[in-house]
Amino acid sequence: MNLLKNKDVLRSLLFQGDQLNTLAGGVAKIDFNIENQPDGFLIVVNAPGIEAEQLKVISDQSSLQVFATLNHPAENHGVMIPLFYRKVQLPAFANTDEVDAVHHDNRLEIFVPIGKNSASSKKEINIKQI
């Protein structure tokens, strides 16, 4: 297979190289804070320049994964460039079944309530946009 004749492969390789070079290694500067509240934990992520569609929150029994990716313009390529990634270990009394996530004004707020945790597998949390 001659790579120079395959325009889709060339376009994909150039996109990846360009993004990795311009994103300083694929990392964005964010502020990440965890606040204790009487009824749970509030995780606040200030992420200027990152759209709500790029953010993902994944919960499992003992942790939350918060990350953002930059997707390839042609969605069928499946290329995702990481902008940031944080994993938060949660105490046993954190109820990861009832996690609530809201995005507004470049700020993601994730509330993890205290309660009985019956989560048995990973699940993606729906992020509401205000």
C-alpha atoms as a PDB file:
ATOM      1  CA  MET A   1       0.000   0.000   0.000  1.00  0.00           C
ATOM      2  CA  ASN A   2       1.419   3.349  -1.004  1.00  0.00           C
ATOM      3  CA  LEU A   3       0.668   5.822   1.819  1.00  0.00           C
ATOM      4  CA  LEU A   4       1.297   8.831  -0.407  1.00  0.00           C
ATOM      5  CA  LYS A   5      -1.662   7.849  -2.609  1.00  0.00           C
ATOM      6  CA  ASN A   6      -4.062   7.274   0.312  1.00  0.00           C
ATOM      7  CA  LYS A   7      -5.422  10.765   1.021  1.00  0.00           C
ATOM      8  CA  ASP A   8      -7.515   9.707   4.035  1.00  0.00           C
ATOM      9  CA  VAL A   9      -4.510   8.229   5.841  1.00  0.00           C
ATOM     10  CA  LEU A  10      -2.368  11.278   5.020  1.00  0.00           C
ATOM     11  CA  ARG A  11      -5.073  13.671   6.194  1.00  0.00           C
ATOM     12  CA  SER A  12      -5.453  11.734   9.456  1.00  0.00           C
ATOM     13  CA  LEU A  13      -1.692  11.631  10.087  1.00  0.00           C
ATOM     14  CA  LEU A  14      -1.326  15.356   9.394  1.00  0.00           C
ATOM     15  CA  PHE A  15      -4.230  16.176  11.714  1.00  0.00           C
ATOM     16  CA  GLN A  16      -2.711  14.120  14.539  1.00  0.00           C
ATOM     17  CA  GLY A  17       0.738  15.620  14.097  1.00  0.00           C
ATOM     18  CA  ASP A  18      -0.607  19.147  13.944  1.00  0.00           C
ATOM     19  CA  GLN A  19      -2.759  18.749  17.031  1.00  0.00           C
ATOM     20  CA  LEU A  20      -0.059  17.079  19.112  1.00  0.00           C
ATOM     21  CA  ASN A  21       2.415  19.836  18.223  1.00  0.00           C
ATOM     22  CA  THR A  22       0.021  22.729  18.855  1.00  0.00           C
ATOM     23  CA  LEU A  23      -1.493  21.399  22.067  1.00  0.00           C
ATOM     24  CA  ALA A  24       1.835  21.225  23.926  1.00  0.00           C
ATOM     25  CA  GLY A  25       1.652  17.485  24.284  1.00  0.00           C
ATOM     26  CA  GLY A  26      -2.124  17.274  24.519  1.00  0.00           C
ATOM     27  CA  VAL A  27      -2.567  18.958  27.893  1.00  0.00           C
ATOM     28  CA  ALA A  28      -4.840  21.893  28.797  1.00  0.00           C
ATOM     29  CA  LYS A  29      -4.490  24.034  31.931  1.00  0.00           C
ATOM     30  CA  ILE A  30      -7.468  23.516  34.234  1.00  0.00           C
ATOM     31  CA  ASP A  31      -8.328  24.247  37.855  1.00  0.00           C
ATOM     32  CA  PHE A  32      -9.598  21.184  39.725  1.00  0.00           C
ATOM     33  CA  ASN A  33     -11.003  21.526  43.268  1.00  0.00           C
ATOM     34  CA  ILE A  34     -12.852  19.176  45.607  1.00  0.00           C
ATOM     35  CA  GLU A  35     -15.083  20.730  48.264  1.00  0.00           C
ATOM     36  CA  ASN A  36     -16.619  18.830  51.177  1.00  0.00           C
ATOM     37  CA  GLN A  37     -20.291  19.624  51.730  1.00  0.00           C
ATOM     38  CA  PRO A  38     -22.682  18.371  54.436  1.00  0.00           C
ATOM     39  CA  ASP A  39     -24.492  16.059  52.007  1.00  0.00           C
ATOM     40  CA  GLY A  40     -21.661  15.078  49.676  1.00  0.00           C
ATOM     41  CA  PHE A  41     -18.686  16.261  47.643  1.00  0.00           C
ATOM     42  CA  LEU A  42     -18.584  18.998  45.012  1.00  0.00           C
ATOM     43  CA  ILE A  43     -15.892  18.679  42.359  1.00  0.00           C
ATOM     44  CA  VAL A  44     -15.364  21.926  40.451  1.00  0.00           C
ATOM     45  CA  VAL A  45     -13.426  21.932  37.165  1.00  0.00           C
ATOM     46  CA  ASN A  46     -12.666  25.311  35.603  1.00  0.00           C
ATOM     47  CA  ALA A  47     -11.743  24.501  32.013  1.00  0.00           C
ATOM     48  CA  PRO A  48     -11.531  27.618  29.836  1.00  0.00           C
ATOM     49  CA  GLY A  49     -11.646  26.890  26.128  1.00  0.00           C
ATOM     50  CA  ILE A  50     -13.074  23.387  26.550  1.00  0.00           C
ATOM     51  CA  GLU A  51     -16.604  22.841  25.272  1.00  0.00           C
ATOM     52  CA  ALA A  52     -19.163  20.782  27.194  1.00  0.00           C
ATOM     53  CA  GLU A  53     -19.262  18.223  24.351  1.00  0.00           C
ATOM     54  CA  GLN A  54     -15.559  17.489  24.878  1.00  0.00           C
ATOM     55  CA  LEU A  55     -15.973  16.673  28.596  1.00  0.00           C
ATOM     56  CA  LYS A  56     -16.647  13.195  29.947  1.00  0.00           C
ATOM     57  CA  VAL A  57     -17.327  11.938  33.480  1.00  0.00           C
ATOM     58  CA  ILE A  58     -17.123   8.195  34.133  1.00  0.00           C
ATOM     59  CA  SER A  59     -18.079   6.714  37.512  1.00  0.00           C
ATOM     60  CA  ASP A  60     -17.471   3.333  39.033  1.00  0.00           C
ATOM     61  CA  GLN A  61     -17.790   1.957  42.552  1.00  0.00           C
ATOM     62  CA  SER A  62     -14.822   3.790  44.067  1.00  0.00           C
ATOM     63  CA  SER A  63     -13.741   6.576  41.705  1.00  0.00           C
ATOM     64  CA  LEU A  64     -14.634   9.228  39.168  1.00  0.00           C
ATOM     65  CA  GLN A  65     -12.709   9.855  35.975  1.00  0.00           C
ATOM     66  CA  VAL A  66     -13.005  13.359  34.548  1.00  0.00           C
ATOM     67  CA  PHE A  67     -11.443  14.073  31.174  1.00  0.00           C
ATOM     68  CA  ALA A  68     -11.730  15.997  27.926  1.00  0.00           C
ATOM     69  CA  THR A  69     -10.716  15.019  24.432  1.00  0.00           C
ATOM     70  CA  LEU A  70     -10.344  16.738  21.092  1.00  0.00           C
ATOM     71  CA  ASN A  71     -12.014  14.588  18.444  1.00  0.00           C
ATOM     72  CA  HIS A  72     -10.948  14.251  14.823  1.00  0.00           C
ATOM     73  CA  PRO A  73     -13.219  16.339  12.542  1.00  0.00           C
ATOM     74  CA  ALA A  74     -14.152  13.227  10.566  1.00  0.00           C
ATOM     75  CA  GLU A  75     -15.930  11.311  13.325  1.00  0.00           C
ATOM     76  CA  ASN A  76     -15.506   7.912  11.695  1.00  0.00           C
ATOM     77  CA  HIS A  77     -11.719   7.945  12.299  1.00  0.00           C
ATOM     78  CA  GLY A  78     -12.058   7.520  16.071  1.00  0.00           C
ATOM     79  CA  VAL A  79      -9.003   9.681  16.825  1.00  0.00           C
ATOM     80  CA  MET A  80      -9.223  11.386  20.236  1.00  0.00           C
ATOM     81  CA  ILE A  81      -6.481  13.646  21.600  1.00  0.00           C
ATOM     82  CA  PRO A  82      -6.513  14.034  25.409  1.00  0.00           C
ATOM     83  CA  LEU A  83      -6.757  17.590  26.720  1.00  0.00           C
ATOM     84  CA  PHE A  84      -6.716  16.609  30.414  1.00  0.00           C
ATOM     85  CA  TYR A  85      -7.434  13.625  32.672  1.00  0.00           C
ATOM     86  CA  ARG A  86      -8.081  13.382  36.403  1.00  0.00           C
ATOM     87  CA  LYS A  87      -9.064  10.362  38.476  1.00  0.00           C
ATOM     88  CA  VAL A  88     -10.607  10.973  41.898  1.00  0.00           C
ATOM     89  CA  GLN A  89     -10.670   8.174  44.453  1.00  0.00           C
ATOM     90  CA  LEU A  90     -13.898   8.329  46.458  1.00  0.00           C
ATOM     91  CA  PRO A  91     -14.663   7.027  49.960  1.00  0.00           C
ATOM     92  CA  ALA A  92     -16.857   3.936  50.363  1.00  0.00           C
ATOM     93  CA  PHE A  93     -19.839   6.049  51.485  1.00  0.00           C
ATOM     94  CA  ALA A  94     -19.910   8.132  48.270  1.00  0.00           C
ATOM     95  CA  ASN A  95     -22.978   7.235  46.179  1.00  0.00           C
ATOM     96  CA  THR A  96     -21.690   7.046  42.607  1.00  0.00           C
ATOM     97  CA  ASP A  97     -25.144   5.976  41.374  1.00  0.00           C
ATOM     98  CA  GLU A  98     -26.530   9.482  41.971  1.00  0.00           C
ATOM     99  CA  VAL A  99     -23.712  11.642  40.564  1.00  0.00           C
ATOM    100  CA  ASP A 100     -24.915  14.907  39.006  1.00  0.00           C
ATOM    101  CA  ALA A 101     -22.830  16.951  36.542  1.00  0.00           C
ATOM    102  CA  VAL A 102     -23.621  20.462  35.277  1.00  0.00           C
ATOM    103  CA  HIS A 103     -21.600  22.581  32.818  1.00  0.00           C
ATOM    104  CA  HIS A 104     -21.944  26.363  32.532  1.00  0.00           C
ATOM    105  CA  ASP A 105     -19.575  29.241  31.731  1.00  0.00           C
ATOM    106  CA  ASN A 106     -16.475  27.025  31.179  1.00  0.00           C
ATOM    107  CA  ARG A 107     -17.106  25.419  34.575  1.00  0.00           C
ATOM    108  CA  LEU A 108     -18.037  21.801  35.259  1.00  0.00           C
ATOM    109  CA  GLU A 109     -19.605  21.059  38.655  1.00  0.00           C
ATOM    110  CA  ILE A 110     -19.902  17.427  39.701  1.00  0.00           C
ATOM    111  CA  PHE A 111     -21.853  16.586  42.850  1.00  0.00           C
ATOM    112  CA  VAL A 112     -21.305  13.192  44.492  1.00  0.00           C
ATOM    113  CA  PRO A 113     -23.827  12.597  47.304  1.00  0.00           C
ATOM    114  CA  ILE A 114     -23.268  10.599  50.461  1.00  0.00           C
ATOM    115  CA  GLY A 115     -25.323   7.419  50.608  1.00  0.00           C
ATOM    116  CA  LYS A 116     -25.426   3.723  49.917  1.00  0.00           C
ATOM    117  CA  ASN A 117     -23.282   2.879  46.915  1.00  0.00           C
ATOM    118  CA  SER A 118     -24.637   0.042  44.782  1.00  0.00           C
ATOM    119  CA  ALA A 119     -22.653   0.750  41.603  1.00  0.00           C
ATOM    120  CA  SER A 120     -21.142  -2.403  40.168  1.00  0.00           C
ATOM    121  CA  SER A 121     -19.809  -1.231  36.827  1.00  0.00           C
ATOM    122  CA  LYS A 122     -18.559   1.863  35.031  1.00  0.00           C
ATOM    123  CA  LYS A 123     -21.064   4.287  33.616  1.00  0.00           C
ATOM    124  CA  GLU A 124     -20.879   7.609  31.827  1.00  0.00           C
ATOM    125  CA  ILE A 125     -22.527  10.511  33.652  1.00  0.00           C
ATOM    126  CA  ASN A 126     -24.757  12.756  31.556  1.00  0.00           C
ATOM    127  CA  ILE A 127     -23.493  16.352  31.735  1.00  0.00           C
ATOM    128  CA  LYS A 128     -26.306  18.902  31.794  1.00  0.00           C
ATOM    129  CA  GLN A 129     -25.660  22.242  30.103  1.00  0.00           C
ATOM    130  CA  ILE A 130     -27.036  25.469  31.515  1.00  0.00           C
END
